[in-house]
């Protein structure tokens, strides 16, 4: 293993441990951490077997393998952004509903 592979392996393992500790302390929900864990596992596999990125890039017809890694990272970030945007929208709707319900409750007390 090259020093870069060892470094990336250590980083991936540390991030996975951090995510698992955050889940255990209820700072992060398992549903939100799922994509992060998948991304770290992919990083771990690529750091242990760097030739797998070359193989996958050749299989998909991509001539420069790091481009595939960046494309995968961008897709994952888009998915995460969409998921978080959807959750924010749902929470905003719930806040509006709660505000309206609170106003109705206050009006009934008068």
N, C-alpha and C. Protein backbone atom coordinates (compact mmCIF):
# COMPACT_ATOMS: atom_id res chain seq x y z
N UNK A 1 0.85 -1.20 0.00
CA UNK A 1 0.00 0.00 0.00
C UNK A 1 0.88 1.24 0.00
N UNK A 2 0.45 2.21 -0.75
CA UNK A 2 1.19 3.47 -0.80
C UNK A 2 0.83 4.32 0.41
N UNK A 3 1.64 5.31 0.72
CA UNK A 3 1.30 6.20 1.84
C UNK A 3 -0.04 6.91 1.65
N UNK A 4 -0.37 7.24 0.42
CA UNK A 4 -1.65 7.89 0.15
C UNK A 4 -2.80 6.94 0.46
N UNK A 5 -2.66 5.68 0.09
CA UNK A 5 -3.69 4.68 0.37
C UNK A 5 -3.86 4.48 1.86
N UNK A 6 -2.75 4.44 2.57
CA UNK A 6 -2.82 4.27 4.03
C UNK A 6 -3.51 5.47 4.66
N UNK A 7 -3.16 6.68 4.19
CA UNK A 7 -3.78 7.90 4.72
C UNK A 7 -5.28 7.90 4.46
N UNK A 8 -5.69 7.58 3.24
CA UNK A 8 -7.12 7.57 2.90
C UNK A 8 -7.87 6.49 3.68
N UNK A 9 -7.23 5.35 3.90
CA UNK A 9 -7.85 4.29 4.69
C UNK A 9 -8.09 4.76 6.12
N UNK A 10 -7.08 5.39 6.71
CA UNK A 10 -7.21 5.90 8.08
C UNK A 10 -8.31 6.96 8.16
N UNK A 11 -8.35 7.87 7.18
CA UNK A 11 -9.38 8.92 7.17
C UNK A 11 -10.77 8.29 7.07
N UNK A 12 -10.94 7.33 6.18
CA UNK A 12 -12.26 6.69 6.00
C UNK A 12 -12.69 5.99 7.28
N UNK A 13 -11.77 5.29 7.93
CA UNK A 13 -12.12 4.59 9.17
C UNK A 13 -12.47 5.59 10.27
N UNK A 14 -11.71 6.68 10.37
CA UNK A 14 -12.01 7.70 11.39
C UNK A 14 -13.37 8.36 11.16
N UNK A 15 -13.70 8.63 9.91
CA UNK A 15 -14.99 9.25 9.61
C UNK A 15 -16.13 8.28 9.93
N UNK A 16 -15.96 7.01 9.59
CA UNK A 16 -16.99 6.02 9.93
C UNK A 16 -17.18 5.94 11.44
N UNK A 17 -16.07 5.92 12.19
CA UNK A 17 -16.17 5.89 13.65
C UNK A 17 -16.86 7.14 14.19
N UNK A 18 -16.53 8.30 13.63
CA UNK A 18 -17.16 9.54 14.06
C UNK A 18 -18.67 9.51 13.80
N UNK A 19 -19.07 9.00 12.65
CA UNK A 19 -20.49 8.91 12.33
C UNK A 19 -21.19 7.95 13.29
N UNK A 20 -20.57 6.80 13.56
CA UNK A 20 -21.18 5.84 14.48
C UNK A 20 -21.28 6.40 15.90
N UNK A 21 -20.28 7.14 16.35
CA UNK A 21 -20.34 7.78 17.67
C UNK A 21 -21.44 8.84 17.70
N UNK A 22 -21.57 9.60 16.61
CA UNK A 22 -22.62 10.62 16.53
C UNK A 22 -24.01 9.99 16.57
N UNK A 23 -24.17 8.85 15.93
CA UNK A 23 -25.45 8.14 15.97
C UNK A 23 -25.73 7.67 17.39
N UNK A 24 -24.70 7.12 18.02
CA UNK A 24 -24.87 6.59 19.38
C UNK A 24 -25.24 7.69 20.37
N UNK A 25 -24.71 8.90 20.18
CA UNK A 25 -25.00 10.03 21.08
C UNK A 25 -26.26 10.78 20.66
N UNK A 26 -26.99 10.26 19.69
CA UNK A 26 -28.21 10.88 19.16
C UNK A 26 -27.98 12.27 18.58
N UNK A 27 -26.81 12.51 18.04
CA UNK A 27 -26.52 13.77 17.37
C UNK A 27 -26.79 13.68 15.88
N UNK A 28 -26.94 12.45 15.40
CA UNK A 28 -27.19 12.21 13.99
C UNK A 28 -28.09 11.00 13.86
N UNK A 29 -29.13 11.12 13.06
CA UNK A 29 -30.04 9.99 12.92
C UNK A 29 -29.44 8.96 11.95
N UNK A 30 -29.78 7.71 12.15
CA UNK A 30 -29.27 6.67 11.24
C UNK A 30 -29.68 6.91 9.79
N UNK A 31 -30.85 7.45 9.59
CA UNK A 31 -31.31 7.71 8.22
C UNK A 31 -30.43 8.76 7.54
N UNK A 32 -30.07 9.81 8.28
CA UNK A 32 -29.23 10.86 7.70
C UNK A 32 -27.79 10.40 7.49
N UNK A 33 -27.34 9.47 8.30
CA UNK A 33 -25.95 9.04 8.21
C UNK A 33 -25.73 7.93 7.19
N UNK A 34 -26.79 7.36 6.66
CA UNK A 34 -26.67 6.24 5.74
C UNK A 34 -25.81 6.59 4.53
N UNK A 35 -26.07 7.72 3.90
CA UNK A 35 -25.32 8.11 2.70
C UNK A 35 -23.85 8.37 3.05
N UNK A 36 -23.61 8.98 4.22
CA UNK A 36 -22.23 9.23 4.65
C UNK A 36 -21.48 7.91 4.84
N UNK A 37 -22.12 6.95 5.45
CA UNK A 37 -21.47 5.66 5.69
C UNK A 37 -21.18 4.96 4.36
N UNK A 38 -22.13 5.00 3.44
CA UNK A 38 -21.92 4.40 2.11
C UNK A 38 -20.73 5.08 1.42
N UNK A 39 -20.69 6.41 1.48
CA UNK A 39 -19.60 7.15 0.85
C UNK A 39 -18.26 6.77 1.48
N UNK A 40 -18.22 6.62 2.79
CA UNK A 40 -16.98 6.23 3.47
C UNK A 40 -16.56 4.81 3.12
N UNK A 41 -17.52 3.93 2.97
CA UNK A 41 -17.19 2.55 2.57
C UNK A 41 -16.62 2.53 1.15
N UNK A 42 -17.20 3.34 0.26
CA UNK A 42 -16.66 3.44 -1.09
C UNK A 42 -15.24 3.99 -1.05
N UNK A 43 -15.01 5.02 -0.25
CA UNK A 43 -13.68 5.58 -0.10
C UNK A 43 -12.71 4.55 0.47
N UNK A 44 -13.18 3.76 1.42
CA UNK A 44 -12.35 2.72 2.03
C UNK A 44 -11.96 1.66 0.99
N UNK A 45 -12.92 1.23 0.20
CA UNK A 45 -12.64 0.23 -0.84
C UNK A 45 -11.66 0.80 -1.87
N UNK A 46 -11.89 2.05 -2.27
CA UNK A 46 -10.99 2.65 -3.26
C UNK A 46 -9.59 2.88 -2.71
N UNK A 47 -9.49 3.15 -1.41
CA UNK A 47 -8.16 3.36 -0.84
C UNK A 47 -7.41 2.05 -0.66
N UNK A 48 -8.13 0.97 -0.37
CA UNK A 48 -7.47 -0.33 -0.21
C UNK A 48 -7.13 -0.94 -1.57
N UNK A 49 -8.05 -0.81 -2.53
CA UNK A 49 -7.83 -1.34 -3.88
C UNK A 49 -7.96 -0.21 -4.89
N UNK A 50 -6.92 0.61 -5.06
CA UNK A 50 -7.01 1.74 -6.00
C UNK A 50 -7.22 1.30 -7.44
N UNK A 51 -6.83 0.09 -7.77
CA UNK A 51 -7.03 -0.39 -9.14
C UNK A 51 -8.50 -0.59 -9.46
N UNK A 52 -9.34 -0.70 -8.43
CA UNK A 52 -10.77 -0.88 -8.69
C UNK A 52 -11.38 0.36 -9.36
N UNK A 53 -10.85 1.53 -9.05
CA UNK A 53 -11.34 2.75 -9.71
C UNK A 53 -10.96 2.73 -11.18
N UNK A 54 -9.73 2.29 -11.47
CA UNK A 54 -9.31 2.18 -12.87
C UNK A 54 -10.17 1.17 -13.62
N UNK A 55 -10.43 0.04 -12.98
CA UNK A 55 -11.24 -1.01 -13.61
C UNK A 55 -12.65 -0.50 -13.90
N UNK A 56 -13.25 0.17 -12.91
CA UNK A 56 -14.61 0.67 -13.09
C UNK A 56 -14.66 1.77 -14.15
N UNK A 57 -13.65 2.64 -14.16
CA UNK A 57 -13.59 3.69 -15.18
C UNK A 57 -13.46 3.08 -16.57
N UNK A 58 -12.62 2.08 -16.72
CA UNK A 58 -12.49 1.41 -18.03
C UNK A 58 -13.79 0.73 -18.43
N UNK A 59 -14.48 0.14 -17.45
CA UNK A 59 -15.74 -0.53 -17.72
C UNK A 59 -16.79 0.46 -18.23
N UNK A 60 -16.77 1.67 -17.66
CA UNK A 60 -17.74 2.69 -18.06
C UNK A 60 -17.27 3.54 -19.24
N UNK A 61 -16.06 3.30 -19.72
CA UNK A 61 -15.54 4.04 -20.87
C UNK A 61 -15.01 5.41 -20.52
N UNK A 62 -14.58 5.60 -19.28
CA UNK A 62 -14.03 6.89 -18.84
C UNK A 62 -12.51 6.76 -18.88
N UNK A 63 -11.86 7.68 -19.62
CA UNK A 63 -10.42 7.55 -19.84
C UNK A 63 -9.58 8.02 -18.65
N UNK A 64 -10.10 8.89 -17.81
CA UNK A 64 -9.34 9.42 -16.68
C UNK A 64 -10.06 9.04 -15.39
N UNK A 65 -9.60 8.00 -14.68
CA UNK A 65 -10.31 7.46 -13.51
C UNK A 65 -10.67 8.46 -12.40
N UNK A 66 -9.81 9.44 -12.08
CA UNK A 66 -10.23 10.40 -11.04
C UNK A 66 -11.51 11.17 -11.40
N UNK A 67 -11.77 11.30 -12.69
CA UNK A 67 -13.02 11.94 -13.11
C UNK A 67 -14.22 11.14 -12.64
N UNK A 68 -14.12 9.83 -12.68
CA UNK A 68 -15.20 8.97 -12.20
C UNK A 68 -15.43 9.19 -10.71
N UNK A 69 -14.33 9.27 -9.93
CA UNK A 69 -14.47 9.50 -8.50
C UNK A 69 -15.16 10.84 -8.23
N UNK A 70 -14.77 11.90 -8.95
CA UNK A 70 -15.41 13.20 -8.78
C UNK A 70 -16.88 13.17 -9.19
N UNK A 71 -17.17 12.44 -10.26
CA UNK A 71 -18.56 12.33 -10.71
C UNK A 71 -19.41 11.61 -9.65
N UNK A 72 -18.86 10.55 -9.06
CA UNK A 72 -19.58 9.82 -8.01
C UNK A 72 -19.80 10.73 -6.81
N UNK A 73 -18.77 11.49 -6.44
CA UNK A 73 -18.89 12.41 -5.30
C UNK A 73 -19.95 13.48 -5.56
N UNK A 74 -19.99 14.01 -6.76
CA UNK A 74 -20.97 15.04 -7.11
C UNK A 74 -22.38 14.48 -7.06
N UNK A 75 -22.57 13.27 -7.57
CA UNK A 75 -23.89 12.64 -7.54
C UNK A 75 -24.33 12.42 -6.10
N UNK A 76 -23.43 11.94 -5.26
CA UNK A 76 -23.77 11.73 -3.85
C UNK A 76 -24.14 13.04 -3.17
N UNK A 77 -23.38 14.10 -3.46
CA UNK A 77 -23.70 15.41 -2.87
C UNK A 77 -25.04 15.95 -3.36
N UNK A 78 -25.36 15.73 -4.64
CA UNK A 78 -26.67 16.15 -5.15
C UNK A 78 -27.79 15.40 -4.44
N UNK A 79 -27.61 14.10 -4.25
CA UNK A 79 -28.62 13.30 -3.55
C UNK A 79 -28.80 13.81 -2.13
N UNK A 80 -27.68 14.06 -1.45
CA UNK A 80 -27.76 14.56 -0.08
C UNK A 80 -28.43 15.93 -0.02
N UNK A 81 -28.08 16.80 -0.97
CA UNK A 81 -28.69 18.13 -1.01
C UNK A 81 -30.19 18.04 -1.25
N UNK A 82 -30.60 17.19 -2.17
CA UNK A 82 -32.02 17.03 -2.45
C UNK A 82 -32.77 16.50 -1.23
N UNK A 83 -32.17 15.49 -0.57
CA UNK A 83 -32.79 14.91 0.61
C UNK A 83 -32.95 15.95 1.72
N UNK A 84 -31.91 16.73 1.95
CA UNK A 84 -31.96 17.75 3.00
C UNK A 84 -32.95 18.87 2.63
N UNK A 85 -33.00 19.25 1.37
CA UNK A 85 -33.97 20.26 0.94
C UNK A 85 -35.40 19.79 1.16
N UNK A 86 -35.64 18.53 0.87
CA UNK A 86 -36.97 17.95 1.07
C UNK A 86 -37.34 17.95 2.55
N UNK A 87 -36.39 17.59 3.41
CA UNK A 87 -36.65 17.59 4.85
C UNK A 87 -36.90 19.00 5.37
N UNK A 88 -36.14 19.97 4.87
CA UNK A 88 -36.35 21.36 5.28
C UNK A 88 -37.74 21.84 4.87
N UNK A 89 -38.16 21.49 3.67
CA UNK A 89 -39.50 21.87 3.20
C UNK A 89 -40.58 21.27 4.08
N UNK A 90 -40.42 19.99 4.43
CA UNK A 90 -41.40 19.34 5.31
C UNK A 90 -41.44 20.02 6.67
N UNK A 91 -40.29 20.37 7.20
CA UNK A 91 -40.24 21.04 8.51
C UNK A 91 -40.87 22.43 8.45
N UNK A 92 -40.66 23.14 7.35
CA UNK A 92 -41.28 24.46 7.20
C UNK A 92 -42.80 24.35 7.17
N UNK A 93 -43.31 23.33 6.49
CA UNK A 93 -44.75 23.12 6.46
C UNK A 93 -45.29 22.79 7.85
N UNK A 94 -44.54 21.99 8.59
CA UNK A 94 -44.96 21.65 9.95
C UNK A 94 -44.95 22.87 10.86
N UNK A 95 -43.98 23.74 10.68
CA UNK A 95 -43.92 24.97 11.47
C UNK A 95 -45.13 25.85 11.18
N UNK A 96 -45.49 25.97 9.93
CA UNK A 96 -46.68 26.76 9.56
C UNK A 96 -47.93 26.15 10.17
N UNK A 97 -48.06 24.83 10.07
CA UNK A 97 -49.22 24.15 10.65
C UNK A 97 -49.28 24.35 12.16
N UNK A 98 -48.13 24.24 12.83
CA UNK A 98 -48.10 24.44 14.28
C UNK A 98 -48.45 25.88 14.65
N UNK A 99 -47.96 26.83 13.88
CA UNK A 99 -48.29 28.23 14.13
C UNK A 99 -49.78 28.49 13.97
N UNK A 100 -50.37 27.91 12.94
CA UNK A 100 -51.81 28.08 12.74
C UNK A 100 -52.60 27.40 13.85
N UNK A 101 -52.17 26.22 14.25
CA UNK A 101 -52.87 25.51 15.32
C UNK A 101 -52.75 26.28 16.64
N UNK A 102 -51.59 26.85 16.90
CA UNK A 102 -51.41 27.65 18.12
C UNK A 102 -52.29 28.89 18.09
N UNK A 103 -52.41 29.52 16.94
CA UNK A 103 -53.29 30.69 16.83
C UNK A 103 -54.74 30.32 17.09
N UNK A 104 -55.17 29.17 16.57
CA UNK A 104 -56.54 28.71 16.79
C UNK A 104 -56.75 28.43 18.28
N UNK A 105 -55.78 27.78 18.92
CA UNK A 105 -55.89 27.48 20.35
C UNK A 105 -55.98 28.76 21.18
N UNK A 106 -55.17 29.77 20.84
CA UNK A 106 -55.20 31.04 21.56
C UNK A 106 -56.54 31.75 21.34
N UNK A 107 -57.07 31.66 20.12
CA UNK A 107 -58.34 32.32 19.81
C UNK A 107 -59.49 31.64 20.57
N UNK A 108 -59.43 30.32 20.75
CA UNK A 108 -60.48 29.60 21.47
C UNK A 108 -60.47 29.96 22.95
N UNK A 109 -59.32 30.28 23.50
CA UNK A 109 -59.22 30.63 24.92
C UNK A 109 -59.83 31.99 25.21
N UNK A 110 -59.94 32.86 24.24
CA UNK A 110 -60.49 34.20 24.45
C UNK A 110 -61.96 34.15 24.59
